[in-house]
């Protein structure tokens, strides 16, 4: 296995195989209450699971990941886009399923992932629907489940952008994108208190980014 440079990271160059192989890439902090569900759902649907933890993530989360066969890395957290790109670079395969530690594929998506691994579906990237679970209920209205997001992509044809929050995958010009019927199930917030806490954390990241940009302009 040979690594090749990609910006400030290194990609593992995936071996040539007859069938596509998928690496699931997860970034996580202290998610011991959710990540077991994610890892269990991915078993048999992907060929590898990579988990990138923040430097201060507790040992319980790391132990859970390793016990489920994941390859685990630690990396200082600067922003979501950078951390997800780092996870992408750590993967052994070029086809990357980006999924969060509080998410899991539904049965339809699992079947589609296996179809892709068998070569029955072919594209440079695949978008999916996101179904959100909020305060004990599945969200059905308000537009929260209406968006299509690229979550499975060939890392040679696209990459993560670099805002502190609300990151997305940017595909190269000419890349083919196919929308899958399956969904990612997201436990968005189990309580209003958790929602407010995460909003505060994201606000802090945005403010930090603004200060860094201002400092750069002033210098």
N, C-alpha and C. Protein backbone atom coordinates (compact mmCIF):
# COMPACT_ATOMS: atom_id res chain seq x y z
N UNK A 1 0.85 -1.19 0.00
CA UNK A 1 0.00 0.00 0.00
C UNK A 1 0.89 1.24 0.00
N UNK A 2 0.68 2.12 -0.95
CA UNK A 2 1.50 3.31 -1.09
C UNK A 2 0.66 4.55 -0.83
N UNK A 3 1.18 5.50 -0.08
CA UNK A 3 0.45 6.74 0.15
C UNK A 3 0.94 7.80 -0.82
N UNK A 4 0.01 8.64 -1.25
CA UNK A 4 0.34 9.71 -2.18
C UNK A 4 -0.12 11.03 -1.59
N UNK A 5 0.59 12.14 -1.83
CA UNK A 5 0.24 13.40 -1.19
C UNK A 5 -1.07 13.97 -1.72
N UNK A 6 -1.84 14.56 -0.82
CA UNK A 6 -3.04 15.29 -1.20
C UNK A 6 -3.10 16.53 -0.31
N UNK A 7 -2.67 17.68 -0.82
CA UNK A 7 -2.63 18.88 0.00
C UNK A 7 -1.75 18.65 1.20
N UNK A 8 -2.30 18.91 2.39
CA UNK A 8 -1.54 18.70 3.61
C UNK A 8 -1.75 17.30 4.18
N UNK A 9 -2.56 16.47 3.50
CA UNK A 9 -2.81 15.12 3.95
C UNK A 9 -2.22 14.13 2.96
N UNK A 10 -2.34 12.85 3.28
CA UNK A 10 -1.90 11.79 2.38
C UNK A 10 -3.04 10.80 2.19
N UNK A 11 -3.32 10.48 0.94
CA UNK A 11 -4.28 9.44 0.63
C UNK A 11 -3.55 8.11 0.57
N UNK A 12 -4.17 7.05 1.07
CA UNK A 12 -3.72 5.72 0.74
C UNK A 12 -4.17 5.43 -0.69
N UNK A 13 -3.26 4.97 -1.53
CA UNK A 13 -3.67 4.62 -2.89
C UNK A 13 -4.32 3.25 -2.87
N UNK A 14 -5.59 3.21 -3.21
CA UNK A 14 -6.34 1.96 -3.13
C UNK A 14 -5.90 1.01 -4.22
N UNK A 15 -5.79 -0.28 -3.90
CA UNK A 15 -5.41 -1.26 -4.92
C UNK A 15 -6.51 -1.42 -5.96
N UNK A 16 -6.14 -1.82 -7.16
CA UNK A 16 -7.12 -2.07 -8.20
C UNK A 16 -7.87 -3.36 -7.88
N UNK A 17 -9.19 -3.28 -7.81
CA UNK A 17 -10.02 -4.45 -7.54
C UNK A 17 -11.15 -4.49 -8.54
N UNK A 18 -11.73 -5.68 -8.72
CA UNK A 18 -12.80 -5.83 -9.69
C UNK A 18 -14.05 -5.10 -9.23
N UNK A 19 -14.32 -5.07 -7.95
CA UNK A 19 -15.52 -4.45 -7.42
C UNK A 19 -15.16 -3.24 -6.56
N UNK A 20 -15.99 -2.19 -6.59
CA UNK A 20 -15.71 -1.02 -5.75
C UNK A 20 -15.76 -1.39 -4.27
N UNK A 21 -14.88 -0.79 -3.50
CA UNK A 21 -14.89 -0.98 -2.05
C UNK A 21 -15.14 0.36 -1.38
N UNK A 22 -15.91 0.32 -0.30
CA UNK A 22 -16.35 1.55 0.36
C UNK A 22 -15.71 1.66 1.74
N UNK A 23 -15.16 2.84 2.03
CA UNK A 23 -14.70 3.17 3.38
C UNK A 23 -15.71 4.12 4.02
N UNK A 24 -16.22 3.77 5.18
CA UNK A 24 -17.04 4.69 5.96
C UNK A 24 -16.11 5.58 6.78
N UNK A 25 -16.31 6.89 6.71
CA UNK A 25 -15.46 7.85 7.43
C UNK A 25 -16.33 8.60 8.44
N UNK A 26 -15.96 8.48 9.71
CA UNK A 26 -16.73 9.08 10.80
C UNK A 26 -15.81 10.00 11.60
N UNK A 27 -16.29 11.20 11.92
CA UNK A 27 -15.59 12.03 12.89
C UNK A 27 -16.42 12.05 14.17
N UNK A 28 -15.75 12.11 15.31
CA UNK A 28 -16.49 11.98 16.56
C UNK A 28 -15.76 12.66 17.71
N UNK A 29 -16.55 13.06 18.70
CA UNK A 29 -16.00 13.50 19.97
C UNK A 29 -16.44 12.45 20.99
N UNK A 30 -17.16 12.84 22.03
CA UNK A 30 -17.64 11.87 23.02
C UNK A 30 -19.03 11.40 22.62
N UNK A 31 -19.09 10.32 21.83
CA UNK A 31 -20.36 9.86 21.29
C UNK A 31 -20.63 8.41 21.68
N UNK A 32 -20.23 8.04 22.90
CA UNK A 32 -20.40 6.64 23.31
C UNK A 32 -21.87 6.23 23.38
N UNK A 33 -22.78 7.19 23.51
CA UNK A 33 -24.20 6.87 23.60
C UNK A 33 -24.83 6.60 22.24
N UNK A 34 -24.18 7.04 21.15
CA UNK A 34 -24.77 6.92 19.82
C UNK A 34 -23.98 6.05 18.86
N UNK A 35 -22.65 6.05 18.99
CA UNK A 35 -21.82 5.50 17.92
C UNK A 35 -21.94 3.98 17.78
N UNK A 36 -22.37 3.29 18.83
CA UNK A 36 -22.57 1.84 18.73
C UNK A 36 -23.60 1.54 17.65
N UNK A 37 -24.68 2.31 17.63
CA UNK A 37 -25.74 2.13 16.63
C UNK A 37 -25.19 2.35 15.23
N UNK A 38 -24.35 3.35 15.06
CA UNK A 38 -23.77 3.65 13.76
C UNK A 38 -22.87 2.52 13.29
N UNK A 39 -21.98 2.06 14.15
CA UNK A 39 -21.02 1.01 13.79
C UNK A 39 -21.74 -0.30 13.48
N UNK A 40 -22.76 -0.62 14.26
CA UNK A 40 -23.50 -1.86 14.04
C UNK A 40 -24.23 -1.84 12.71
N UNK A 41 -24.80 -0.69 12.36
CA UNK A 41 -25.55 -0.57 11.10
C UNK A 41 -24.63 -0.67 9.88
N UNK A 42 -23.38 -0.24 10.03
CA UNK A 42 -22.44 -0.26 8.91
C UNK A 42 -21.83 -1.63 8.67
N UNK A 43 -21.91 -2.51 9.66
CA UNK A 43 -21.29 -3.83 9.53
C UNK A 43 -21.91 -4.58 8.34
N UNK A 44 -21.08 -5.00 7.42
CA UNK A 44 -21.55 -5.72 6.25
C UNK A 44 -21.98 -4.84 5.11
N UNK A 45 -22.09 -3.53 5.35
CA UNK A 45 -22.51 -2.60 4.29
C UNK A 45 -21.33 -1.85 3.68
N UNK A 46 -20.19 -1.84 4.39
CA UNK A 46 -18.98 -1.18 3.90
C UNK A 46 -17.80 -2.12 4.10
N UNK A 47 -16.69 -1.78 3.48
CA UNK A 47 -15.50 -2.64 3.56
C UNK A 47 -14.53 -2.21 4.64
N UNK A 48 -14.72 -1.02 5.16
CA UNK A 48 -13.81 -0.49 6.18
C UNK A 48 -14.51 0.64 6.91
N UNK A 49 -14.22 0.78 8.20
CA UNK A 49 -14.71 1.92 8.97
C UNK A 49 -13.51 2.66 9.55
N UNK A 50 -13.45 3.96 9.26
CA UNK A 50 -12.41 4.83 9.80
C UNK A 50 -13.08 5.84 10.73
N UNK A 51 -12.56 5.96 11.94
CA UNK A 51 -13.09 6.93 12.90
C UNK A 51 -11.96 7.88 13.30
N UNK A 52 -12.21 9.17 13.15
CA UNK A 52 -11.26 10.20 13.59
C UNK A 52 -11.85 10.89 14.81
N UNK A 53 -11.12 10.80 15.92
CA UNK A 53 -11.56 11.38 17.19
C UNK A 53 -10.81 12.67 17.46
N UNK A 54 -11.49 13.61 18.12
CA UNK A 54 -10.79 14.79 18.63
C UNK A 54 -9.74 14.34 19.64
N UNK A 55 -8.74 15.17 19.85
CA UNK A 55 -7.66 14.79 20.76
C UNK A 55 -8.15 14.51 22.17
N UNK A 56 -9.20 15.21 22.63
CA UNK A 56 -9.65 15.05 24.01
C UNK A 56 -10.85 14.12 24.15
N UNK A 57 -11.13 13.29 23.13
CA UNK A 57 -12.22 12.33 23.21
C UNK A 57 -11.96 11.30 24.30
N UNK A 58 -13.01 10.91 25.01
CA UNK A 58 -12.81 9.97 26.11
C UNK A 58 -12.43 8.58 25.60
N UNK A 59 -11.82 7.80 26.48
CA UNK A 59 -11.33 6.47 26.11
C UNK A 59 -12.47 5.50 25.82
N UNK A 60 -13.63 5.73 26.42
CA UNK A 60 -14.76 4.82 26.20
C UNK A 60 -15.19 4.84 24.74
N UNK A 61 -15.27 6.03 24.14
CA UNK A 61 -15.64 6.13 22.74
C UNK A 61 -14.62 5.41 21.86
N UNK A 62 -13.33 5.60 22.15
CA UNK A 62 -12.30 4.93 21.37
C UNK A 62 -12.39 3.41 21.52
N UNK A 63 -12.62 2.95 22.73
CA UNK A 63 -12.72 1.50 22.96
C UNK A 63 -13.89 0.90 22.17
N UNK A 64 -15.02 1.58 22.16
CA UNK A 64 -16.19 1.10 21.42
C UNK A 64 -15.86 0.98 19.94
N UNK A 65 -15.20 1.99 19.40
CA UNK A 65 -14.86 1.98 17.98
C UNK A 65 -13.92 0.83 17.64
N UNK A 66 -12.90 0.65 18.43
CA UNK A 66 -11.93 -0.43 18.16
C UNK A 66 -12.58 -1.80 18.33
N UNK A 67 -13.48 -1.94 19.29
CA UNK A 67 -14.13 -3.24 19.52
C UNK A 67 -15.04 -3.62 18.36
N UNK A 68 -15.44 -2.64 17.55
CA UNK A 68 -16.27 -2.91 16.37
C UNK A 68 -15.42 -2.98 15.10
N UNK A 69 -14.10 -3.06 15.26
CA UNK A 69 -13.22 -3.26 14.12
C UNK A 69 -12.84 -2.02 13.35
N UNK A 70 -13.14 -0.84 13.89
CA UNK A 70 -12.80 0.40 13.19
C UNK A 70 -11.32 0.72 13.32
N UNK A 71 -10.77 1.36 12.30
CA UNK A 71 -9.43 1.94 12.39
C UNK A 71 -9.60 3.33 12.99
N UNK A 72 -8.90 3.60 14.09
CA UNK A 72 -9.13 4.82 14.86
C UNK A 72 -7.90 5.73 14.80
N UNK A 73 -8.16 7.02 14.56
CA UNK A 73 -7.12 8.05 14.55
C UNK A 73 -7.56 9.18 15.46
N UNK A 74 -6.59 9.92 15.97
CA UNK A 74 -6.89 11.14 16.71
C UNK A 74 -6.27 12.33 15.98
N UNK A 75 -7.02 13.44 15.94
CA UNK A 75 -6.55 14.62 15.23
C UNK A 75 -7.12 15.86 15.90
N UNK A 76 -6.33 16.91 16.11
CA UNK A 76 -6.87 18.14 16.72
C UNK A 76 -8.03 18.69 15.89
N UNK A 77 -9.11 19.05 16.56
CA UNK A 77 -10.29 19.56 15.86
C UNK A 77 -10.16 21.05 15.63
N UNK A 78 -10.22 21.45 14.35
CA UNK A 78 -10.20 22.87 13.97
C UNK A 78 -11.55 23.28 13.42
N UNK A 79 -12.14 22.42 12.61
CA UNK A 79 -13.45 22.66 12.02
C UNK A 79 -13.95 21.38 11.39
N UNK A 80 -15.25 21.34 11.12
CA UNK A 80 -15.85 20.10 10.62
C UNK A 80 -15.31 19.73 9.23
N UNK A 81 -15.18 20.71 8.34
CA UNK A 81 -14.70 20.41 7.00
C UNK A 81 -13.29 19.83 7.01
N UNK A 82 -12.39 20.44 7.76
CA UNK A 82 -11.02 19.95 7.84
C UNK A 82 -10.95 18.56 8.47
N UNK A 83 -11.75 18.33 9.51
CA UNK A 83 -11.71 17.04 10.18
C UNK A 83 -12.25 15.93 9.26
N UNK A 84 -13.30 16.24 8.49
CA UNK A 84 -13.85 15.24 7.58
C UNK A 84 -12.90 14.98 6.41
N UNK A 85 -12.18 16.00 5.98
CA UNK A 85 -11.20 15.77 4.93
C UNK A 85 -10.03 14.92 5.44
N UNK A 86 -9.67 15.12 6.69
CA UNK A 86 -8.63 14.28 7.29
C UNK A 86 -9.10 12.83 7.35
N UNK A 87 -10.34 12.60 7.75
CA UNK A 87 -10.88 11.25 7.79
C UNK A 87 -10.91 10.63 6.40
N UNK A 88 -11.26 11.43 5.40
CA UNK A 88 -11.25 10.96 4.01
C UNK A 88 -9.86 10.50 3.61
N UNK A 89 -8.85 11.26 4.01
CA UNK A 89 -7.46 10.93 3.66
C UNK A 89 -6.98 9.67 4.37
N UNK A 90 -7.54 9.36 5.53
CA UNK A 90 -7.12 8.18 6.30
C UNK A 90 -7.66 6.87 5.72
N UNK A 91 -8.68 6.96 4.87
CA UNK A 91 -9.34 5.76 4.36
C UNK A 91 -8.44 4.99 3.41
N UNK A 92 -8.66 3.68 3.32
CA UNK A 92 -7.89 2.83 2.43
C UNK A 92 -8.51 2.73 1.03
N UNK A 93 -9.80 3.08 0.92
CA UNK A 93 -10.49 2.96 -0.36
C UNK A 93 -10.92 4.35 -0.85
N UNK A 94 -11.08 4.47 -2.17
CA UNK A 94 -11.38 5.78 -2.76
C UNK A 94 -12.85 6.18 -2.63
N UNK A 95 -13.74 5.21 -2.50
CA UNK A 95 -15.16 5.51 -2.37
C UNK A 95 -15.47 5.72 -0.89
N UNK A 96 -15.87 6.94 -0.54
CA UNK A 96 -16.01 7.34 0.86
C UNK A 96 -17.47 7.57 1.22
N UNK A 97 -17.94 6.87 2.25
CA UNK A 97 -19.25 7.15 2.83
C UNK A 97 -19.02 7.99 4.07
N UNK A 98 -19.41 9.26 4.00
CA UNK A 98 -19.25 10.14 5.16
C UNK A 98 -20.52 10.08 6.00
N UNK A 99 -20.35 9.65 7.24
CA UNK A 99 -21.50 9.50 8.12
C UNK A 99 -21.10 9.94 9.52
N UNK A 100 -22.01 10.59 10.22
CA UNK A 100 -21.70 11.10 11.55
C UNK A 100 -21.93 10.02 12.61
N UNK A 101 -21.40 10.26 13.80
CA UNK A 101 -21.47 9.28 14.88
C UNK A 101 -22.87 9.14 15.45
N UNK A 102 -23.78 10.05 15.11
CA UNK A 102 -25.17 9.95 15.56
C UNK A 102 -26.11 9.65 14.39
N UNK A 103 -25.57 9.01 13.34
CA UNK A 103 -26.35 8.67 12.16
C UNK A 103 -26.22 7.18 11.86
N UNK A 104 -27.13 6.67 11.02
CA UNK A 104 -27.05 5.28 10.56
C UNK A 104 -27.82 5.16 9.26
N UNK A 105 -27.38 4.29 8.34
CA UNK A 105 -28.13 4.07 7.11
C UNK A 105 -29.38 3.24 7.37
N UNK A 106 -30.47 3.54 6.65
CA UNK A 106 -31.64 2.68 6.77
C UNK A 106 -31.45 1.44 5.90
N UNK A 107 -32.42 0.52 5.94
CA UNK A 107 -32.27 -0.75 5.23
C UNK A 107 -32.19 -0.56 3.72
N UNK A 108 -32.93 0.40 3.19
CA UNK A 108 -32.89 0.66 1.75
C UNK A 108 -31.50 1.12 1.33
N UNK A 109 -30.91 2.02 2.10
CA UNK A 109 -29.58 2.52 1.79
C UNK A 109 -28.53 1.42 1.92
N UNK A 110 -28.68 0.55 2.92
CA UNK A 110 -27.74 -0.56 3.07
C UNK A 110 -27.77 -1.45 1.83
N UNK A 111 -28.97 -1.73 1.32
CA UNK A 111 -29.08 -2.53 0.10
C UNK A 111 -28.42 -1.83 -1.09
N UNK A 112 -28.57 -0.50 -1.17
CA UNK A 112 -27.96 0.24 -2.27
C UNK A 112 -26.44 0.28 -2.16
N UNK A 113 -25.93 0.37 -0.93
CA UNK A 113 -24.48 0.32 -0.73
C UNK A 113 -23.93 -1.01 -1.21
N UNK A 114 -24.63 -2.08 -0.91
CA UNK A 114 -24.18 -3.40 -1.36
C UNK A 114 -24.27 -3.54 -2.87
N UNK A 115 -25.28 -2.89 -3.48
CA UNK A 115 -25.38 -2.90 -4.94
C UNK A 115 -24.21 -2.17 -5.57
N UNK A 116 -23.80 -1.07 -4.96
CA UNK A 116 -22.64 -0.31 -5.45
C UNK A 116 -21.37 -1.16 -5.32
N UNK A 117 -21.24 -1.86 -4.22
CA UNK A 117 -20.07 -2.71 -4.00
C UNK A 117 -20.01 -3.87 -4.99
N UNK A 118 -21.16 -4.25 -5.52
CA UNK A 118 -21.22 -5.31 -6.52
C UNK A 118 -21.07 -4.77 -7.95
N UNK A 119 -20.95 -3.45 -8.07
CA UNK A 119 -20.81 -2.84 -9.39
C UNK A 119 -22.11 -2.65 -10.14
N UNK A 120 -23.25 -2.74 -9.44
CA UNK A 120 -24.55 -2.62 -10.10
C UNK A 120 -24.97 -1.16 -10.26
N UNK A 121 -24.39 -0.26 -9.48
CA UNK A 121 -24.61 1.19 -9.62
C UNK A 121 -23.24 1.84 -9.76
N UNK A 122 -23.14 2.81 -10.68
CA UNK A 122 -21.85 3.45 -10.91
C UNK A 122 -22.03 4.95 -11.08
N UNK A 123 -21.36 5.72 -10.23
CA UNK A 123 -21.34 7.18 -10.34
C UNK A 123 -20.13 7.68 -9.56
N UNK A 124 -19.79 8.97 -9.76
CA UNK A 124 -18.69 9.56 -9.01
C UNK A 124 -19.12 9.95 -7.60
N UNK A 125 -20.42 10.21 -7.42
CA UNK A 125 -20.95 10.59 -6.11
C UNK A 125 -22.42 10.21 -6.04
N UNK A 126 -22.90 10.05 -4.81
CA UNK A 126 -24.29 9.66 -4.58
C UNK A 126 -24.86 10.57 -3.49
N UNK A 127 -26.05 11.10 -3.74
CA UNK A 127 -26.74 11.89 -2.72
C UNK A 127 -27.80 11.03 -2.04
N UNK A 128 -28.13 11.39 -0.82
CA UNK A 128 -29.13 10.64 -0.04
C UNK A 128 -30.02 11.63 0.69
N UNK A 129 -31.15 11.15 1.16
CA UNK A 129 -31.99 11.95 2.03
C UNK A 129 -31.56 11.79 3.47
N UNK A 130 -31.85 12.80 4.29
CA UNK A 130 -31.55 12.75 5.73
C UNK A 130 -32.86 12.83 6.49
N UNK A 131 -33.13 11.84 7.33
CA UNK A 131 -34.30 11.87 8.20
C UNK A 131 -33.84 12.16 9.62
N UNK A 132 -34.41 13.18 10.22
CA UNK A 132 -33.95 13.66 11.52
C UNK A 132 -34.88 13.25 12.66
N UNK A 133 -34.28 12.87 13.76
CA UNK A 133 -34.97 12.48 14.98
C UNK A 133 -34.73 13.58 16.00
N UNK A 134 -35.79 14.25 16.43
CA UNK A 134 -35.64 15.43 17.30
C UNK A 134 -36.52 15.28 18.54
N UNK A 135 -35.87 15.28 19.71
CA UNK A 135 -36.58 15.25 20.98
C UNK A 135 -37.60 14.10 21.04
N UNK A 136 -37.20 12.94 20.59
CA UNK A 136 -38.05 11.77 20.70
C UNK A 136 -39.00 11.52 19.55
N UNK A 137 -38.97 12.36 18.51
CA UNK A 137 -39.90 12.18 17.39
C UNK A 137 -39.17 12.35 16.07
N UNK A 138 -39.63 11.59 15.05
CA UNK A 138 -39.12 11.80 13.70
C UNK A 138 -39.74 13.06 13.14
N UNK A 139 -38.91 13.94 12.57
CA UNK A 139 -39.38 15.19 11.99
C UNK A 139 -39.99 14.91 10.62
N UNK A 140 -41.22 15.33 10.41
CA UNK A 140 -41.92 15.08 9.15
C UNK A 140 -42.19 16.35 8.36
N UNK A 141 -42.18 17.50 9.02
CA UNK A 141 -42.56 18.76 8.37
C UNK A 141 -41.48 19.81 8.60
N UNK A 142 -41.67 20.97 7.98
CA UNK A 142 -40.76 22.09 8.19
C UNK A 142 -39.57 22.11 7.26
N UNK A 143 -39.50 21.14 6.33
CA UNK A 143 -38.41 21.14 5.35
C UNK A 143 -37.12 20.54 5.84
N UNK A 144 -37.09 20.07 7.09
CA UNK A 144 -35.83 19.58 7.65
C UNK A 144 -35.38 18.28 6.98
N UNK A 145 -36.31 17.51 6.42
CA UNK A 145 -35.95 16.25 5.78
C UNK A 145 -35.99 16.33 4.25
N UNK A 146 -36.11 17.52 3.69
CA UNK A 146 -36.34 17.65 2.25
C UNK A 146 -35.05 17.73 1.43
N UNK A 147 -33.92 17.96 2.07
CA UNK A 147 -32.69 18.19 1.31
C UNK A 147 -32.04 16.88 0.88
N UNK A 148 -31.34 16.94 -0.26
CA UNK A 148 -30.53 15.84 -0.74
C UNK A 148 -29.07 16.23 -0.55
N UNK A 149 -28.31 15.38 0.08
CA UNK A 149 -26.91 15.70 0.36
C UNK A 149 -26.00 14.61 -0.16
N UNK A 150 -24.89 15.01 -0.75
CA UNK A 150 -23.88 14.04 -1.17
C UNK A 150 -23.21 13.50 0.08
N UNK A 151 -23.25 12.20 0.24
CA UNK A 151 -22.61 11.56 1.39
C UNK A 151 -21.68 10.41 0.97
N UNK A 152 -21.79 9.98 -0.28
CA UNK A 152 -20.94 8.91 -0.79
C UNK A 152 -20.27 9.42 -2.06
N UNK A 153 -18.93 9.43 -2.08
CA UNK A 153 -18.25 10.05 -3.21
C UNK A 153 -16.87 9.44 -3.42
N UNK A 154 -16.40 9.56 -4.66
CA UNK A 154 -15.05 9.15 -5.00
C UNK A 154 -14.12 10.31 -4.64
N UNK A 155 -13.20 10.08 -3.72
CA UNK A 155 -12.34 11.16 -3.23
C UNK A 155 -11.40 11.70 -4.31
N UNK A 156 -11.25 10.97 -5.41
CA UNK A 156 -10.46 11.50 -6.52
C UNK A 156 -11.26 12.46 -7.39
N UNK A 157 -12.57 12.52 -7.15
CA UNK A 157 -13.44 13.39 -7.95
C UNK A 157 -14.08 14.51 -7.12
N UNK A 158 -13.74 14.59 -5.84
CA UNK A 158 -14.33 15.63 -5.00
C UNK A 158 -13.67 15.66 -3.64
N UNK A 159 -14.02 16.67 -2.83
CA UNK A 159 -13.44 16.82 -1.50
C UNK A 159 -14.34 17.72 -0.66
N UNK A 160 -14.04 17.77 0.64
CA UNK A 160 -14.79 18.63 1.55
C UNK A 160 -14.31 20.08 1.42
N UNK A 161 -15.26 21.02 1.53
CA UNK A 161 -14.84 22.42 1.62
C UNK A 161 -14.44 22.72 3.06
N UNK A 162 -14.14 23.97 3.38
CA UNK A 162 -13.45 24.24 4.63
C UNK A 162 -14.06 25.34 5.49
N UNK A 163 -15.39 25.45 5.57
CA UNK A 163 -15.95 26.38 6.56
C UNK A 163 -15.93 25.75 7.94
N UNK A 164 -16.04 26.53 9.02
CA UNK A 164 -16.03 25.95 10.36
C UNK A 164 -17.25 25.07 10.64
N UNK A 165 -18.41 25.43 10.05
CA UNK A 165 -19.64 24.64 10.19
C UNK A 165 -20.34 24.61 8.84
N UNK A 166 -21.38 23.78 8.73
CA UNK A 166 -22.17 23.66 7.50
C UNK A 166 -21.29 23.32 6.30
N UNK A 167 -20.40 22.39 6.51
CA UNK A 167 -19.48 21.93 5.47
C UNK A 167 -20.22 21.10 4.44
N UNK A 168 -19.66 20.98 3.24
CA UNK A 168 -20.27 20.15 2.22
C UNK A 168 -19.20 19.61 1.28
N UNK A 169 -19.57 18.58 0.54
CA UNK A 169 -18.67 17.96 -0.43
C UNK A 169 -18.79 18.71 -1.75
N UNK A 170 -17.66 19.10 -2.32
CA UNK A 170 -17.62 19.79 -3.60
C UNK A 170 -17.06 18.84 -4.64
N UNK A 171 -17.85 18.52 -5.64
CA UNK A 171 -17.41 17.61 -6.69
C UNK A 171 -16.75 18.39 -7.83
N UNK A 172 -15.82 17.74 -8.51
CA UNK A 172 -15.14 18.35 -9.64
C UNK A 172 -16.11 18.54 -10.81
N UNK A 173 -15.79 19.47 -11.68
CA UNK A 173 -16.60 19.66 -12.88
C UNK A 173 -16.68 18.37 -13.69
N UNK A 174 -17.88 18.04 -14.13
CA UNK A 174 -18.07 16.84 -14.94
C UNK A 174 -18.33 15.57 -14.15
N UNK A 175 -18.28 15.65 -12.81
CA UNK A 175 -18.53 14.46 -12.00
C UNK A 175 -19.99 14.04 -12.10
N UNK A 176 -20.22 12.75 -12.13
CA UNK A 176 -21.58 12.23 -12.21
C UNK A 176 -22.12 12.00 -10.80
N UNK A 177 -23.38 12.43 -10.58
CA UNK A 177 -24.02 12.33 -9.27
C UNK A 177 -25.35 11.61 -9.43
N UNK A 178 -25.57 10.59 -8.61
CA UNK A 178 -26.79 9.79 -8.66
C UNK A 178 -27.47 9.87 -7.30
N UNK A 179 -28.80 10.09 -7.30
CA UNK A 179 -29.53 10.15 -6.03
C UNK A 179 -30.05 8.77 -5.66
N UNK A 180 -29.71 8.33 -4.46
CA UNK A 180 -30.15 7.04 -3.95
C UNK A 180 -31.52 7.17 -3.25
N UNK A 181 -32.25 6.06 -3.20
CA UNK A 181 -33.58 6.06 -2.58
C UNK A 181 -33.51 5.94 -1.06
N UNK A 182 -32.43 5.38 -0.56
CA UNK A 182 -32.29 5.19 0.88
C UNK A 182 -32.00 6.49 1.60
N UNK A 183 -32.07 6.41 2.92
CA UNK A 183 -31.87 7.60 3.77
C UNK A 183 -30.85 7.32 4.87
N UNK A 184 -30.27 8.40 5.35
CA UNK A 184 -29.48 8.36 6.57
C UNK A 184 -30.38 8.83 7.71
N UNK A 185 -30.44 8.05 8.78
CA UNK A 185 -31.27 8.37 9.94
C UNK A 185 -30.40 9.09 10.97
N UNK A 186 -30.80 10.30 11.31
CA UNK A 186 -29.98 11.17 12.15
C UNK A 186 -30.69 11.47 13.46
N UNK A 187 -30.07 11.07 14.57
CA UNK A 187 -30.57 11.49 15.88
C UNK A 187 -30.04 12.89 16.13
N UNK A 188 -30.78 13.88 15.64
CA UNK A 188 -30.29 15.26 15.66
C UNK A 188 -30.08 15.75 17.09
N UNK A 189 -31.13 15.74 17.88
CA UNK A 189 -31.04 16.21 19.26
C UNK A 189 -32.04 15.42 20.09
N UNK A 190 -31.59 14.90 21.22
CA UNK A 190 -32.48 14.14 22.08
C UNK A 190 -33.21 15.04 23.08
N UNK A 191 -32.77 16.28 23.20
CA UNK A 191 -33.44 17.22 24.10
C UNK A 191 -33.19 18.64 23.59
N UNK A 192 -34.03 19.57 24.03
CA UNK A 192 -33.83 20.98 23.66
C UNK A 192 -32.53 21.52 24.25
N UNK A 193 -32.17 21.01 25.42
CA UNK A 193 -30.93 21.45 26.05
C UNK A 193 -29.72 21.06 25.21
N UNK A 194 -29.75 19.84 24.65
CA UNK A 194 -28.66 19.41 23.76
C UNK A 194 -28.61 20.28 22.51
N UNK A 195 -29.79 20.62 21.98
CA UNK A 195 -29.87 21.48 20.79
C UNK A 195 -29.21 22.82 21.07
N UNK A 196 -29.55 23.45 22.19
CA UNK A 196 -28.99 24.76 22.52
C UNK A 196 -27.48 24.67 22.75
N UNK A 197 -27.03 23.58 23.37
CA UNK A 197 -25.59 23.41 23.61
C UNK A 197 -24.82 23.30 22.30
N UNK A 198 -25.34 22.53 21.36
CA UNK A 198 -24.66 22.36 20.08
C UNK A 198 -24.69 23.65 19.26
N UNK A 199 -25.79 24.40 19.35
CA UNK A 199 -25.85 25.69 18.67
C UNK A 199 -24.79 26.64 19.22
N UNK A 200 -24.60 26.60 20.53
CA UNK A 200 -23.58 27.44 21.16
C UNK A 200 -22.19 27.05 20.70
N UNK A 201 -21.94 25.74 20.60
CA UNK A 201 -20.63 25.26 20.13
C UNK A 201 -20.37 25.72 18.69
N UNK A 202 -21.38 25.61 17.82
CA UNK A 202 -21.22 26.02 16.42
C UNK A 202 -21.01 27.53 16.32
N UNK A 203 -21.71 28.29 17.17
CA UNK A 203 -21.52 29.73 17.16
C UNK A 203 -20.09 30.09 17.53
N UNK A 204 -19.52 29.36 18.49
CA UNK A 204 -18.14 29.60 18.88
C UNK A 204 -17.18 29.33 17.75
N UNK A 205 -17.42 28.27 16.97
CA UNK A 205 -16.57 27.96 15.83
C UNK A 205 -16.63 29.04 14.77
N UNK A 206 -17.84 29.54 14.50
CA UNK A 206 -18.01 30.60 13.51
C UNK A 206 -17.29 31.87 13.95
N UNK A 207 -17.43 32.24 15.22
CA UNK A 207 -16.77 33.44 15.74
C UNK A 207 -15.25 33.30 15.68
N UNK A 208 -14.75 32.12 16.00
CA UNK A 208 -13.31 31.88 15.94
C UNK A 208 -12.80 32.02 14.52
N UNK A 209 -13.56 31.48 13.56
CA UNK A 209 -13.17 31.58 12.16
C UNK A 209 -13.15 33.02 11.69
N UNK A 210 -14.13 33.81 12.12
CA UNK A 210 -14.20 35.23 11.74
C UNK A 210 -12.99 35.99 12.27
N UNK A 211 -12.58 35.68 13.51
CA UNK A 211 -11.43 36.36 14.09
C UNK A 211 -10.14 36.00 13.35
N UNK A 212 -10.02 34.70 12.95
CA UNK A 212 -8.85 34.28 12.21
C UNK A 212 -8.80 34.99 10.87
N UNK A 213 -9.93 35.08 10.18
CA UNK A 213 -9.96 35.76 8.89
C UNK A 213 -9.64 37.24 9.03
N UNK A 214 -10.16 37.88 10.09
CA UNK A 214 -9.89 39.29 10.32
C UNK A 214 -8.41 39.51 10.62
N UNK A 215 -7.84 38.65 11.43
CA UNK A 215 -6.40 38.76 11.73
C UNK A 215 -5.57 38.63 10.49
N UNK A 216 -5.95 37.69 9.61
CA UNK A 216 -5.22 37.52 8.36
C UNK A 216 -5.29 38.74 7.47
N UNK A 217 -6.49 39.36 7.43
CA UNK A 217 -6.65 40.56 6.60
C UNK A 217 -5.85 41.73 7.17
N UNK A 218 -5.82 41.83 8.50
CA UNK A 218 -5.13 42.95 9.11
C UNK A 218 -3.61 42.82 8.98
N UNK A 219 -3.14 41.62 8.78
CA UNK A 219 -1.68 41.41 8.68
C UNK A 219 -1.24 41.29 7.25
